[in-house]
């Protein structure tokens, strides 16, 4: 059965949908904002990993050429290494969700965020974080969520949320804020000047 939740944020629909894709994962959610679509899946192993004294959590954002309408051909048929944006987005997601999973967990947890469509307008990192939180929330992973995220900028003397790629080139501040209903969980930012 397909479940769908839709809200309008800053004039665009944010759509979360589950029950259609990756149904064998512990939790899977397709998130769409504008024309950017990310499939978020979360799985946890049945038993604890032996010999570790940390939470074995891995978060990966996978960008594919087909997401922007390109299919690799001829000699270069494989996808390349993760882009800097994908690596940084994975780290932001990891830093947000890691503190919300009990420290005693030793089961391997994998969160895979696959960009299915990139509209080249909306950055996919905050969309992926929302998807990761939703997938973890409906999975068997003990998770003290959900959380959400937004990108905040400072333009023309005002704070602006949900920045587009165009806004990012114009803003003096690029701040990603993630939080739950009760608290801010993670803040990462950069500024010009």
N, C-alpha and C. Protein backbone atom coordinates (compact mmCIF):
# COMPACT_ATOMS: atom_id res chain seq x y z
N UNK A 1 0.84 -1.18 0.00
CA UNK A 1 0.00 0.00 0.00
C UNK A 1 0.88 1.24 0.00
N UNK A 2 0.57 2.18 -0.85
CA UNK A 2 1.35 3.40 -0.98
C UNK A 2 0.79 4.47 -0.04
N UNK A 3 1.70 5.08 0.74
CA UNK A 3 1.33 6.18 1.63
C UNK A 3 2.02 7.43 1.12
N UNK A 4 1.29 8.54 1.11
CA UNK A 4 1.83 9.79 0.56
C UNK A 4 1.46 10.95 1.47
N UNK A 5 2.45 11.81 1.74
CA UNK A 5 2.24 13.03 2.51
C UNK A 5 2.76 14.18 1.67
N UNK A 6 2.01 15.26 1.59
CA UNK A 6 2.39 16.38 0.75
C UNK A 6 2.14 17.68 1.49
N UNK A 7 3.14 18.58 1.47
CA UNK A 7 3.02 19.90 2.08
C UNK A 7 3.65 20.92 1.13
N UNK A 8 3.13 22.12 1.12
CA UNK A 8 3.71 23.18 0.32
C UNK A 8 4.63 24.00 1.20
N UNK A 9 5.89 24.13 0.77
CA UNK A 9 6.90 24.89 1.51
C UNK A 9 7.55 25.84 0.53
N UNK A 10 7.50 27.12 0.84
CA UNK A 10 8.07 28.16 -0.03
C UNK A 10 7.57 28.05 -1.47
N UNK A 11 6.29 27.74 -1.62
CA UNK A 11 5.68 27.71 -2.94
C UNK A 11 5.91 26.44 -3.75
N UNK A 12 6.62 25.46 -3.17
CA UNK A 12 6.86 24.19 -3.86
C UNK A 12 6.34 23.06 -2.99
N UNK A 13 5.90 21.99 -3.65
CA UNK A 13 5.39 20.84 -2.91
C UNK A 13 6.54 19.95 -2.45
N UNK A 14 6.53 19.61 -1.17
CA UNK A 14 7.42 18.59 -0.61
C UNK A 14 6.56 17.34 -0.48
N UNK A 15 6.96 16.28 -1.18
CA UNK A 15 6.16 15.05 -1.22
C UNK A 15 6.99 13.90 -0.67
N UNK A 16 6.47 13.19 0.32
CA UNK A 16 7.09 11.99 0.84
C UNK A 16 6.15 10.83 0.52
N UNK A 17 6.71 9.78 -0.07
CA UNK A 17 5.91 8.64 -0.50
C UNK A 17 6.63 7.35 -0.16
N UNK A 18 5.90 6.39 0.38
CA UNK A 18 6.48 5.09 0.71
C UNK A 18 5.54 3.98 0.27
N UNK A 19 6.10 2.78 0.09
CA UNK A 19 5.28 1.63 -0.27
C UNK A 19 5.39 1.21 -1.72
N UNK A 20 6.14 1.96 -2.53
CA UNK A 20 6.23 1.62 -3.95
C UNK A 20 7.63 1.13 -4.32
N UNK A 21 8.66 1.80 -3.84
CA UNK A 21 10.04 1.47 -4.20
C UNK A 21 10.79 0.88 -3.01
N UNK A 22 11.72 -0.02 -3.29
CA UNK A 22 12.61 -0.62 -2.28
C UNK A 22 11.83 -1.16 -1.08
N UNK A 23 10.82 -1.94 -1.36
CA UNK A 23 9.96 -2.43 -0.29
C UNK A 23 10.62 -3.47 0.61
N UNK A 24 11.75 -4.05 0.18
CA UNK A 24 12.43 -5.03 1.03
C UNK A 24 13.39 -4.37 2.02
N UNK A 25 13.62 -3.08 1.88
CA UNK A 25 14.46 -2.36 2.85
C UNK A 25 13.69 -2.21 4.15
N UNK A 26 14.42 -1.99 5.24
CA UNK A 26 13.76 -1.76 6.53
C UNK A 26 12.81 -0.58 6.46
N UNK A 27 13.20 0.46 5.77
CA UNK A 27 12.37 1.62 5.54
C UNK A 27 12.80 2.29 4.25
N UNK A 28 11.86 2.69 3.43
CA UNK A 28 12.21 3.40 2.19
C UNK A 28 11.19 4.49 1.93
N UNK A 29 11.70 5.66 1.55
CA UNK A 29 10.85 6.81 1.29
C UNK A 29 11.38 7.54 0.07
N UNK A 30 10.47 7.89 -0.83
CA UNK A 30 10.82 8.73 -1.97
C UNK A 30 10.42 10.15 -1.61
N UNK A 31 11.39 11.08 -1.71
CA UNK A 31 11.15 12.48 -1.36
C UNK A 31 11.30 13.33 -2.61
N UNK A 32 10.34 14.22 -2.82
CA UNK A 32 10.39 15.10 -3.98
C UNK A 32 10.17 16.54 -3.51
N UNK A 33 11.05 17.43 -3.98
CA UNK A 33 10.88 18.86 -3.76
C UNK A 33 11.20 19.54 -5.07
N UNK A 34 10.23 20.22 -5.65
CA UNK A 34 10.38 20.70 -7.02
C UNK A 34 10.44 19.48 -7.92
N UNK A 35 11.44 19.43 -8.77
CA UNK A 35 11.64 18.26 -9.63
C UNK A 35 12.82 17.40 -9.17
N UNK A 36 13.37 17.70 -7.99
CA UNK A 36 14.44 16.88 -7.42
C UNK A 36 13.80 15.75 -6.63
N UNK A 37 14.23 14.52 -6.91
CA UNK A 37 13.67 13.34 -6.26
C UNK A 37 14.81 12.50 -5.71
N UNK A 38 14.68 12.10 -4.43
CA UNK A 38 15.68 11.27 -3.77
C UNK A 38 14.97 10.06 -3.18
N UNK A 39 15.54 8.87 -3.41
CA UNK A 39 15.05 7.66 -2.77
C UNK A 39 15.93 7.39 -1.56
N UNK A 40 15.33 7.36 -0.38
CA UNK A 40 16.06 7.11 0.86
C UNK A 40 15.68 5.73 1.39
N UNK A 41 16.70 4.91 1.66
CA UNK A 41 16.46 3.59 2.24
C UNK A 41 17.31 3.44 3.50
N UNK A 42 16.76 2.72 4.47
CA UNK A 42 17.48 2.46 5.72
C UNK A 42 17.30 1.00 6.09
N UNK A 43 18.41 0.33 6.39
CA UNK A 43 18.36 -1.06 6.81
C UNK A 43 19.29 -1.26 7.99
N UNK A 44 18.97 -2.28 8.80
CA UNK A 44 19.80 -2.62 9.95
C UNK A 44 19.98 -4.14 9.99
N UNK A 45 21.20 -4.58 10.26
CA UNK A 45 21.45 -6.02 10.33
C UNK A 45 20.70 -6.62 11.52
N UNK A 46 20.46 -7.92 11.45
CA UNK A 46 19.71 -8.61 12.51
C UNK A 46 20.52 -8.80 13.78
N UNK A 47 21.83 -8.84 13.67
CA UNK A 47 22.65 -9.08 14.85
C UNK A 47 23.75 -8.04 14.96
N UNK A 48 24.26 -7.90 16.17
CA UNK A 48 25.33 -6.93 16.43
C UNK A 48 26.61 -7.37 15.74
N UNK A 49 27.37 -6.42 15.29
CA UNK A 49 28.66 -6.68 14.67
C UNK A 49 29.67 -6.95 15.79
N UNK A 50 30.38 -8.05 15.69
CA UNK A 50 31.30 -8.44 16.75
C UNK A 50 32.57 -7.61 16.70
N UNK A 51 33.09 -7.33 17.90
CA UNK A 51 34.38 -6.68 18.02
C UNK A 51 34.39 -5.17 17.78
N UNK A 52 33.22 -4.54 17.76
CA UNK A 52 33.19 -3.08 17.58
C UNK A 52 32.66 -2.42 18.85
N UNK A 53 33.18 -1.24 19.14
CA UNK A 53 32.70 -0.50 20.30
C UNK A 53 32.15 0.86 19.87
N UNK A 54 31.57 0.89 18.66
CA UNK A 54 31.00 2.12 18.11
C UNK A 54 29.76 1.74 17.31
N UNK A 55 28.99 2.75 16.91
CA UNK A 55 27.82 2.54 16.07
C UNK A 55 28.27 2.40 14.61
N UNK A 56 28.13 1.20 14.01
CA UNK A 56 28.55 1.03 12.61
C UNK A 56 27.48 1.54 11.64
N UNK A 57 27.46 2.85 11.47
CA UNK A 57 26.49 3.52 10.61
C UNK A 57 27.20 4.02 9.37
N UNK A 58 26.64 3.73 8.21
CA UNK A 58 27.17 4.31 6.98
C UNK A 58 26.05 5.03 6.24
N UNK A 59 26.36 6.23 5.77
CA UNK A 59 25.42 7.06 5.03
C UNK A 59 26.07 7.42 3.71
N UNK A 60 25.41 7.10 2.60
CA UNK A 60 25.96 7.39 1.28
C UNK A 60 24.92 8.05 0.41
N UNK A 61 25.30 9.16 -0.21
CA UNK A 61 24.47 9.78 -1.24
C UNK A 61 25.04 9.34 -2.58
N UNK A 62 24.19 8.76 -3.40
CA UNK A 62 24.61 8.30 -4.72
C UNK A 62 23.96 9.18 -5.78
N UNK A 63 24.80 9.87 -6.51
CA UNK A 63 24.34 10.69 -7.62
C UNK A 63 24.57 9.88 -8.90
N UNK A 64 23.60 9.83 -9.74
CA UNK A 64 23.72 9.08 -10.98
C UNK A 64 23.56 10.03 -12.16
N UNK A 65 24.25 9.72 -13.24
CA UNK A 65 24.15 10.57 -14.42
C UNK A 65 22.72 10.66 -14.95
N UNK A 66 21.95 9.58 -14.83
CA UNK A 66 20.59 9.61 -15.35
C UNK A 66 19.73 10.64 -14.63
N UNK A 67 20.12 11.03 -13.41
CA UNK A 67 19.34 12.00 -12.64
C UNK A 67 19.31 13.36 -13.32
N UNK A 68 20.31 13.65 -14.14
CA UNK A 68 20.32 14.92 -14.87
C UNK A 68 20.11 14.71 -16.36
N UNK A 69 19.69 13.50 -16.73
CA UNK A 69 19.35 13.20 -18.12
C UNK A 69 20.51 12.77 -18.98
N UNK A 70 21.59 12.32 -18.38
CA UNK A 70 22.74 11.86 -19.15
C UNK A 70 22.97 10.38 -18.90
N UNK A 71 23.23 9.64 -19.93
CA UNK A 71 23.55 8.23 -19.83
C UNK A 71 24.99 8.05 -20.28
N UNK A 72 25.87 7.52 -19.40
CA UNK A 72 27.26 7.32 -19.81
C UNK A 72 27.33 6.38 -21.02
N UNK A 73 28.16 6.73 -21.97
CA UNK A 73 28.29 5.90 -23.15
C UNK A 73 29.73 5.67 -23.52
N UNK A 74 29.95 4.94 -24.59
CA UNK A 74 31.26 4.58 -25.13
C UNK A 74 32.20 4.06 -24.05
N UNK A 75 33.38 4.65 -23.93
CA UNK A 75 34.40 4.13 -23.03
C UNK A 75 34.01 4.28 -21.55
N UNK A 76 33.40 5.40 -21.20
CA UNK A 76 33.06 5.69 -19.81
C UNK A 76 31.63 5.24 -19.51
N UNK A 77 31.44 3.97 -19.27
CA UNK A 77 30.12 3.45 -18.99
C UNK A 77 29.80 3.40 -17.50
N UNK A 78 30.81 3.53 -16.68
CA UNK A 78 30.58 3.47 -15.25
C UNK A 78 30.40 4.87 -14.68
N UNK A 79 29.73 4.92 -13.55
CA UNK A 79 29.59 6.17 -12.83
C UNK A 79 30.94 6.51 -12.19
N UNK A 80 31.19 7.78 -12.01
CA UNK A 80 32.44 8.22 -11.40
C UNK A 80 32.38 8.17 -9.88
N UNK A 81 33.40 8.69 -9.27
CA UNK A 81 33.45 8.77 -7.81
C UNK A 81 32.41 9.77 -7.32
N UNK A 82 32.07 9.67 -6.03
CA UNK A 82 31.11 10.65 -5.49
C UNK A 82 31.66 12.07 -5.63
N UNK A 83 30.78 13.01 -5.92
CA UNK A 83 31.19 14.40 -6.01
C UNK A 83 31.42 14.95 -4.60
N UNK A 84 32.07 16.09 -4.54
CA UNK A 84 32.28 16.75 -3.24
C UNK A 84 30.94 17.04 -2.58
N UNK A 85 29.96 17.46 -3.36
CA UNK A 85 28.63 17.75 -2.83
C UNK A 85 28.00 16.50 -2.22
N UNK A 86 28.17 15.35 -2.85
CA UNK A 86 27.62 14.10 -2.33
C UNK A 86 28.31 13.70 -1.02
N UNK A 87 29.62 13.84 -0.97
CA UNK A 87 30.36 13.49 0.25
C UNK A 87 29.95 14.40 1.39
N UNK A 88 29.88 15.71 1.14
CA UNK A 88 29.50 16.65 2.19
C UNK A 88 28.05 16.43 2.62
N UNK A 89 27.16 16.14 1.67
CA UNK A 89 25.77 15.85 2.01
C UNK A 89 25.65 14.60 2.87
N UNK A 90 26.45 13.57 2.57
CA UNK A 90 26.46 12.35 3.38
C UNK A 90 26.91 12.65 4.80
N UNK A 91 27.93 13.48 4.93
CA UNK A 91 28.43 13.84 6.26
C UNK A 91 27.41 14.63 7.06
N UNK A 92 26.73 15.56 6.41
CA UNK A 92 25.70 16.35 7.09
C UNK A 92 24.58 15.43 7.59
N UNK A 93 24.16 14.49 6.75
CA UNK A 93 23.12 13.55 7.15
C UNK A 93 23.60 12.67 8.29
N UNK A 94 24.82 12.17 8.20
CA UNK A 94 25.38 11.33 9.27
C UNK A 94 25.42 12.09 10.59
N UNK A 95 25.93 13.32 10.56
CA UNK A 95 26.05 14.11 11.79
C UNK A 95 24.69 14.43 12.38
N UNK A 96 23.67 14.46 11.57
CA UNK A 96 22.33 14.75 12.07
C UNK A 96 21.69 13.52 12.70
N UNK A 97 21.80 12.36 12.05
CA UNK A 97 21.06 11.18 12.54
C UNK A 97 21.83 10.36 13.57
N UNK A 98 23.16 10.40 13.55
CA UNK A 98 23.96 9.56 14.46
C UNK A 98 23.61 9.79 15.94
N UNK A 99 23.47 11.04 16.41
CA UNK A 99 23.14 11.22 17.84
C UNK A 99 21.74 10.75 18.22
N UNK A 100 20.89 10.49 17.22
CA UNK A 100 19.51 10.10 17.49
C UNK A 100 19.31 8.59 17.49
N UNK A 101 20.39 7.85 17.33
CA UNK A 101 20.37 6.39 17.41
C UNK A 101 21.06 6.01 18.71
N UNK A 102 20.47 5.14 19.52
CA UNK A 102 21.08 4.81 20.82
C UNK A 102 22.54 4.36 20.69
N UNK A 103 23.39 4.86 21.57
CA UNK A 103 24.83 4.58 21.52
C UNK A 103 25.15 3.11 21.72
N UNK A 104 24.28 2.35 22.37
CA UNK A 104 24.55 0.94 22.64
C UNK A 104 24.36 0.04 21.41
N UNK A 105 23.75 0.55 20.36
CA UNK A 105 23.50 -0.24 19.15
C UNK A 105 24.83 -0.59 18.48
N UNK A 106 25.00 -1.88 18.17
CA UNK A 106 26.19 -2.36 17.47
C UNK A 106 25.83 -3.06 16.18
N UNK A 107 24.56 -3.03 15.81
CA UNK A 107 24.12 -3.60 14.54
C UNK A 107 24.52 -2.65 13.42
N UNK A 108 24.95 -3.21 12.30
CA UNK A 108 25.32 -2.38 11.17
C UNK A 108 24.08 -1.73 10.58
N UNK A 109 24.15 -0.43 10.37
CA UNK A 109 23.04 0.33 9.80
C UNK A 109 23.53 1.02 8.54
N UNK A 110 22.76 0.87 7.47
CA UNK A 110 23.11 1.53 6.20
C UNK A 110 21.95 2.42 5.78
N UNK A 111 22.30 3.66 5.47
CA UNK A 111 21.34 4.60 4.92
C UNK A 111 21.85 4.99 3.54
N UNK A 112 21.08 4.66 2.53
CA UNK A 112 21.47 4.91 1.14
C UNK A 112 20.50 5.93 0.55
N UNK A 113 21.05 7.01 0.02
CA UNK A 113 20.25 8.10 -0.53
C UNK A 113 20.59 8.24 -2.01
N UNK A 114 19.68 7.82 -2.87
CA UNK A 114 19.92 7.79 -4.31
C UNK A 114 19.16 8.93 -4.98
N UNK A 115 19.88 9.80 -5.65
CA UNK A 115 19.25 10.91 -6.37
C UNK A 115 18.67 10.33 -7.66
N UNK A 116 17.36 10.30 -7.75
CA UNK A 116 16.69 9.77 -8.95
C UNK A 116 16.50 10.85 -10.01
N UNK A 117 16.31 12.08 -9.57
CA UNK A 117 16.12 13.18 -10.50
C UNK A 117 16.67 14.45 -9.86
N UNK A 118 17.45 15.19 -10.60
CA UNK A 118 18.02 16.46 -10.13
C UNK A 118 17.57 17.56 -11.06
N UNK A 119 16.83 18.52 -10.55
CA UNK A 119 16.31 19.58 -11.40
C UNK A 119 17.29 20.73 -11.59
N UNK A 120 18.46 20.64 -10.95
CA UNK A 120 19.50 21.67 -11.03
C UNK A 120 19.03 23.01 -10.50
N UNK A 121 17.96 22.98 -9.71
CA UNK A 121 17.45 24.18 -9.05
C UNK A 121 17.57 24.00 -7.53
N UNK A 122 17.09 22.88 -7.04
CA UNK A 122 17.06 22.62 -5.60
C UNK A 122 18.18 21.66 -5.19
N UNK A 123 19.06 22.07 -4.28
CA UNK A 123 20.11 21.16 -3.80
C UNK A 123 19.47 19.93 -3.15
N UNK A 124 20.06 18.78 -3.42
CA UNK A 124 19.46 17.53 -2.94
C UNK A 124 19.90 17.14 -1.53
N UNK A 125 20.87 17.81 -0.94
CA UNK A 125 21.38 17.35 0.35
C UNK A 125 20.35 17.47 1.48
N UNK A 126 19.64 18.58 1.57
CA UNK A 126 18.63 18.71 2.63
C UNK A 126 17.42 17.82 2.34
N UNK A 127 17.10 17.64 1.07
CA UNK A 127 16.01 16.75 0.69
C UNK A 127 16.37 15.31 1.09
N UNK A 128 17.63 14.93 0.85
CA UNK A 128 18.10 13.60 1.22
C UNK A 128 18.05 13.40 2.73
N UNK A 129 18.40 14.43 3.49
CA UNK A 129 18.37 14.32 4.95
C UNK A 129 16.94 14.09 5.44
N UNK A 130 16.00 14.79 4.88
CA UNK A 130 14.58 14.59 5.23
C UNK A 130 14.17 13.15 4.90
N UNK A 131 14.61 12.66 3.75
CA UNK A 131 14.30 11.28 3.35
C UNK A 131 14.93 10.26 4.27
N UNK A 132 16.19 10.50 4.66
CA UNK A 132 16.87 9.58 5.58
C UNK A 132 16.13 9.50 6.91
N UNK A 133 15.71 10.64 7.41
CA UNK A 133 14.96 10.66 8.67
C UNK A 133 13.64 9.90 8.55
N UNK A 134 12.93 10.12 7.46
CA UNK A 134 11.65 9.44 7.26
C UNK A 134 11.85 7.93 7.12
N UNK A 135 12.88 7.52 6.37
CA UNK A 135 13.15 6.09 6.19
C UNK A 135 13.52 5.44 7.51
N UNK A 136 14.35 6.10 8.30
CA UNK A 136 14.72 5.56 9.62
C UNK A 136 13.52 5.48 10.54
N UNK A 137 12.64 6.48 10.47
CA UNK A 137 11.47 6.52 11.34
C UNK A 137 10.54 5.33 11.10
N UNK A 138 10.40 4.91 9.84
CA UNK A 138 9.49 3.79 9.55
C UNK A 138 10.19 2.44 9.54
N UNK A 139 11.51 2.44 9.73
CA UNK A 139 12.27 1.18 9.73
C UNK A 139 12.31 0.57 11.13
N UNK A 140 13.03 -0.54 11.24
CA UNK A 140 13.20 -1.20 12.54
C UNK A 140 14.37 -0.63 13.33
N UNK A 141 15.01 0.40 12.83
CA UNK A 141 16.14 1.03 13.52
C UNK A 141 15.59 1.87 14.68
N UNK A 142 16.12 1.69 15.90
CA UNK A 142 15.68 2.56 17.00
C UNK A 142 16.18 3.98 16.74
N UNK A 143 15.28 4.88 16.45
CA UNK A 143 15.64 6.23 16.01
C UNK A 143 14.78 7.24 16.74
N UNK A 144 15.41 8.22 17.36
CA UNK A 144 14.70 9.24 18.12
C UNK A 144 14.41 10.44 17.23
N UNK A 145 13.71 10.19 16.16
CA UNK A 145 13.38 11.24 15.19
C UNK A 145 11.89 11.42 15.14
N UNK A 146 11.38 12.00 14.15
CA UNK A 146 12.05 12.44 12.93
C UNK A 146 12.71 13.81 13.08
N UNK A 147 13.53 14.14 12.09
CA UNK A 147 14.16 15.45 12.00
C UNK A 147 13.90 16.01 10.60
N UNK A 148 14.12 17.28 10.48
CA UNK A 148 13.99 17.93 9.18
C UNK A 148 15.16 18.89 9.03
N UNK A 149 15.32 19.43 7.83
CA UNK A 149 16.44 20.33 7.57
C UNK A 149 16.04 21.40 6.57
N UNK A 150 16.72 22.51 6.66
CA UNK A 150 16.56 23.57 5.68
C UNK A 150 17.89 24.27 5.48
N UNK A 151 18.03 24.88 4.37
CA UNK A 151 19.22 25.68 4.07
C UNK A 151 18.81 27.14 4.19
N UNK A 152 19.58 27.90 4.96
CA UNK A 152 19.27 29.30 5.23
C UNK A 152 20.37 30.17 4.63
N UNK A 153 19.96 31.26 4.01
CA UNK A 153 20.91 32.21 3.45
C UNK A 153 20.57 33.62 3.89
N UNK A 154 21.48 34.53 3.61
CA UNK A 154 21.29 35.94 3.94
C UNK A 154 21.45 36.75 2.67
N UNK A 155 20.32 37.29 2.18
CA UNK A 155 20.34 38.03 0.92
C UNK A 155 19.56 39.33 1.08
N UNK A 156 20.13 40.41 0.61
CA UNK A 156 19.46 41.72 0.65
C UNK A 156 19.00 42.08 2.06
N UNK A 157 19.80 41.74 3.05
CA UNK A 157 19.49 42.10 4.43
C UNK A 157 18.44 41.24 5.09
N UNK A 158 18.06 40.12 4.47
CA UNK A 158 17.03 39.24 5.03
C UNK A 158 17.47 37.80 5.00
N UNK A 159 16.97 37.01 5.97
CA UNK A 159 17.21 35.57 5.97
C UNK A 159 16.25 34.91 4.99
N UNK A 160 16.76 33.99 4.19
CA UNK A 160 15.98 33.28 3.19
C UNK A 160 16.15 31.79 3.43
N UNK A 161 15.05 31.02 3.38
CA UNK A 161 15.12 29.57 3.59
C UNK A 161 14.99 28.83 2.27
N UNK A 162 15.39 27.57 2.29
CA UNK A 162 15.30 26.67 1.13
C UNK A 162 15.94 27.29 -0.11
N UNK A 163 17.21 27.62 0.02
CA UNK A 163 17.93 28.26 -1.06
C UNK A 163 18.04 27.35 -2.29
N UNK A 164 17.98 27.95 -3.45
CA UNK A 164 18.22 27.24 -4.70
C UNK A 164 19.70 27.39 -5.05
N UNK A 165 20.15 26.67 -6.06
CA UNK A 165 21.53 26.82 -6.50
C UNK A 165 21.82 28.25 -6.92
N UNK A 166 20.85 28.90 -7.57
CA UNK A 166 21.03 30.30 -7.97
C UNK A 166 21.21 31.20 -6.76
N UNK A 167 20.38 30.97 -5.72
CA UNK A 167 20.51 31.76 -4.48
C UNK A 167 21.85 31.54 -3.82
N UNK A 168 22.36 30.31 -3.87
CA UNK A 168 23.64 30.00 -3.22
C UNK A 168 24.78 30.82 -3.78
N UNK A 169 24.72 31.14 -5.08
CA UNK A 169 25.79 31.93 -5.68
C UNK A 169 25.68 33.41 -5.29
N UNK A 170 24.51 33.83 -4.82
CA UNK A 170 24.28 35.23 -4.48
C UNK A 170 24.32 35.53 -2.99
N UNK A 171 24.22 34.51 -2.15
CA UNK A 171 24.09 34.72 -0.72
C UNK A 171 25.44 34.89 -0.03
N UNK A 172 25.43 35.64 1.07
CA UNK A 172 26.63 35.80 1.89
C UNK A 172 26.73 34.72 2.96
N UNK A 173 25.67 33.96 3.15
CA UNK A 173 25.61 32.95 4.21
C UNK A 173 24.98 31.68 3.65
N UNK A 174 25.60 30.56 3.93
CA UNK A 174 25.04 29.25 3.55
C UNK A 174 25.03 28.40 4.81
N UNK A 175 23.85 28.25 5.40
CA UNK A 175 23.72 27.59 6.69
C UNK A 175 22.70 26.46 6.56
N UNK A 176 23.10 25.24 6.92
CA UNK A 176 22.17 24.11 6.95
C UNK A 176 21.81 23.87 8.42
N UNK A 177 20.52 23.92 8.71
CA UNK A 177 20.03 23.72 10.07
C UNK A 177 19.12 22.50 10.06
N UNK A 178 19.42 21.54 10.94
CA UNK A 178 18.59 20.34 11.07
C UNK A 178 18.11 20.24 12.50
N UNK A 179 16.86 19.86 12.66
CA UNK A 179 16.34 19.75 14.02
C UNK A 179 15.09 18.92 14.10
N UNK A 180 14.78 18.57 15.33
CA UNK A 180 13.55 17.82 15.61
C UNK A 180 12.49 18.83 16.06
N UNK A 181 11.38 18.33 16.52
CA UNK A 181 10.32 19.20 17.00
C UNK A 181 10.77 20.00 18.22
N UNK A 182 11.69 19.42 19.01
CA UNK A 182 12.06 20.03 20.27
C UNK A 182 13.44 20.67 20.32
N UNK A 183 14.31 20.37 19.37
CA UNK A 183 15.69 20.86 19.49
C UNK A 183 16.39 20.94 18.14
N UNK A 184 17.39 21.80 18.08
CA UNK A 184 18.27 21.83 16.92
C UNK A 184 19.30 20.73 17.11
N UNK A 185 19.48 19.89 16.10
CA UNK A 185 20.36 18.74 16.19
C UNK A 185 21.72 19.02 15.55
N UNK A 186 21.74 19.77 14.44
CA UNK A 186 22.99 19.99 13.72
C UNK A 186 22.91 21.32 12.98
N UNK A 187 24.03 22.04 13.00
CA UNK A 187 24.15 23.27 12.23
C UNK A 187 25.50 23.23 11.52
N UNK A 188 25.49 23.54 10.24
CA UNK A 188 26.73 23.64 9.48
C UNK A 188 26.60 24.83 8.56
N UNK A 189 27.67 25.60 8.45
CA UNK A 189 27.55 26.78 7.62
C UNK A 189 28.86 27.32 7.13
N UNK A 190 28.72 28.27 6.25
CA UNK A 190 29.84 29.00 5.70
C UNK A 190 29.36 30.40 5.36
N UNK A 191 30.30 31.34 5.31
CA UNK A 191 29.94 32.71 5.00
C UNK A 191 31.01 33.36 4.15
N UNK A 192 30.62 34.36 3.41
CA UNK A 192 31.54 35.17 2.62
C UNK A 192 31.90 36.42 3.41
N UNK A 193 33.04 36.99 3.10
CA UNK A 193 33.54 38.24 3.68
C UNK A 193 34.32 38.00 4.92
